[in-house]
Amino acid sequence: MTPNPQTISPDKPFGHALHLMFEGGYRHMPVIAPNGLPIGVLSARDALGLEVFNFANELVQRETLTEVL
């Protein structure tokens, strides 16, 4: 494991964590509670499901806008 890894707090958006992971060149990031205890680990792989879900929702929104216009 990387010594002193970059961490994120649970109140930050998932997109922020993805940005930090991309910039740092790593695929996992510990989530640390305000009391300093670890509560989980985010993985870049976690984004795949979320992105597919968001993409589907965006398509529906675009179709709705197209119908309105």
C-alpha atoms as a PDB file:
ATOM      1  CA  MET A   1       0.000   0.000   0.000  1.00  0.00           C
ATOM      2  CA  THR A   2       1.073   3.559  -0.643  1.00  0.00           C
ATOM      3  CA  PRO A   3       2.371   5.291   2.486  1.00  0.00           C
ATOM      4  CA  ASN A   4       0.339   8.399   3.381  1.00  0.00           C
ATOM      5  CA  PRO A   5      -2.248   7.985   0.610  1.00  0.00           C
ATOM      6  CA  GLN A   6      -4.485  10.795  -0.617  1.00  0.00           C
ATOM      7  CA  THR A   7      -7.824  10.538   1.224  1.00  0.00           C
ATOM      8  CA  ILE A   8     -11.260  12.051   0.920  1.00  0.00           C
ATOM      9  CA  SER A   9     -14.045  12.798   3.370  1.00  0.00           C
ATOM     10  CA  PRO A  10     -17.551  11.366   2.910  1.00  0.00           C
ATOM     11  CA  ASP A  11     -19.073  14.823   2.356  1.00  0.00           C
ATOM     12  CA  LYS A  12     -17.159  15.343  -0.917  1.00  0.00           C
ATOM     13  CA  PRO A  13     -18.817  14.466  -4.251  1.00  0.00           C
ATOM     14  CA  PHE A  14     -17.826  11.250  -5.966  1.00  0.00           C
ATOM     15  CA  GLY A  15     -16.710  13.256  -8.997  1.00  0.00           C
ATOM     16  CA  HIS A  16     -14.175  15.076  -6.825  1.00  0.00           C
ATOM     17  CA  ALA A  17     -12.683  11.754  -5.753  1.00  0.00           C
ATOM     18  CA  LEU A  18     -12.493  10.618  -9.378  1.00  0.00           C
ATOM     19  CA  HIS A  19     -10.691  13.818 -10.303  1.00  0.00           C
ATOM     20  CA  LEU A  20      -8.156  13.369  -7.503  1.00  0.00           C
ATOM     21  CA  MET A  21      -7.589   9.739  -8.500  1.00  0.00           C
ATOM     22  CA  PHE A  22      -7.085  10.699 -12.137  1.00  0.00           C
ATOM     23  CA  GLU A  23      -4.687  13.522 -11.277  1.00  0.00           C
ATOM     24  CA  GLY A  24      -2.747  11.322  -8.849  1.00  0.00           C
ATOM     25  CA  GLY A  25      -2.645   8.319 -11.160  1.00  0.00           C
ATOM     26  CA  TYR A  26      -4.204   5.847  -8.751  1.00  0.00           C
ATOM     27  CA  ARG A  27      -7.371   3.755  -8.770  1.00  0.00           C
ATOM     28  CA  HIS A  28      -8.343   3.625  -5.091  1.00  0.00           C
ATOM     29  CA  MET A  29      -8.895   6.249  -2.415  1.00  0.00           C
ATOM     30  CA  PRO A  30      -9.620   5.753   1.294  1.00  0.00           C
ATOM     31  CA  VAL A  31     -12.665   7.554   2.692  1.00  0.00           C
ATOM     32  CA  ILE A  32     -11.907   8.996   6.119  1.00  0.00           C
ATOM     33  CA  ALA A  33     -14.569  10.096   8.636  1.00  0.00           C
ATOM     34  CA  PRO A  34     -14.230  13.449  10.433  1.00  0.00           C
ATOM     35  CA  ASN A  35     -12.947  11.569  13.498  1.00  0.00           C
ATOM     36  CA  GLY A  36     -10.005  10.277  11.411  1.00  0.00           C
ATOM     37  CA  LEU A  37     -11.172   6.682  11.158  1.00  0.00           C
ATOM     38  CA  PRO A  38     -11.381   4.962   7.770  1.00  0.00           C
ATOM     39  CA  ILE A  39     -14.938   4.145   6.681  1.00  0.00           C
ATOM     40  CA  GLY A  40     -14.390   2.788   3.185  1.00  0.00           C
ATOM     41  CA  VAL A  41     -12.435   2.769  -0.030  1.00  0.00           C
ATOM     42  CA  LEU A  42     -13.523   4.223  -3.348  1.00  0.00           C
ATOM     43  CA  SER A  43     -12.407   2.537  -6.513  1.00  0.00           C
ATOM     44  CA  ALA A  44     -12.254   3.985 -10.008  1.00  0.00           C
ATOM     45  CA  ARG A  45     -14.217   0.899 -10.995  1.00  0.00           C
ATOM     46  CA  ASP A  46     -17.108   2.167  -8.836  1.00  0.00           C
ATOM     47  CA  ALA A  47     -17.571   4.968 -11.354  1.00  0.00           C
ATOM     48  CA  LEU A  48     -18.505   2.650 -14.185  1.00  0.00           C
ATOM     49  CA  GLY A  49     -21.922   1.777 -12.788  1.00  0.00           C
ATOM     50  CA  LEU A  50     -22.610   5.356 -11.781  1.00  0.00           C
ATOM     51  CA  GLU A  51     -21.558   6.741 -15.162  1.00  0.00           C
ATOM     52  CA  VAL A  52     -23.759   4.285 -17.040  1.00  0.00           C
ATOM     53  CA  PHE A  53     -26.710   5.257 -14.824  1.00  0.00           C
ATOM     54  CA  ASN A  54     -26.053   8.978 -15.319  1.00  0.00           C
ATOM     55  CA  PHE A  55     -25.590   8.513 -19.054  1.00  0.00           C
ATOM     56  CA  ALA A  56     -28.981   6.790 -19.347  1.00  0.00           C
ATOM     57  CA  ASN A  57     -30.643   9.607 -17.390  1.00  0.00           C
ATOM     58  CA  GLU A  58     -28.955  12.216 -19.553  1.00  0.00           C
ATOM     59  CA  LEU A  59     -30.238  10.516 -22.710  1.00  0.00           C
ATOM     60  CA  VAL A  60     -33.794  10.634 -21.379  1.00  0.00           C
ATOM     61  CA  GLN A  61     -33.413  14.324 -20.524  1.00  0.00           C
ATOM     62  CA  ARG A  62     -32.050  15.100 -23.998  1.00  0.00           C
ATOM     63  CA  GLU A  63     -34.924  13.252 -25.654  1.00  0.00           C
ATOM     64  CA  THR A  64     -37.401  15.221 -23.547  1.00  0.00           C
ATOM     65  CA  LEU A  65     -35.746  18.513 -24.499  1.00  0.00           C
ATOM     66  CA  THR A  66     -35.756  17.555 -28.155  1.00  0.00           C
ATOM     67  CA  GLU A  67     -39.486  16.850 -27.994  1.00  0.00           C
ATOM     68  CA  VAL A  68     -40.139  20.195 -26.307  1.00  0.00           C
ATOM     69  CA  LEU A  69     -38.081  22.157 -28.815  1.00  0.00           C
END
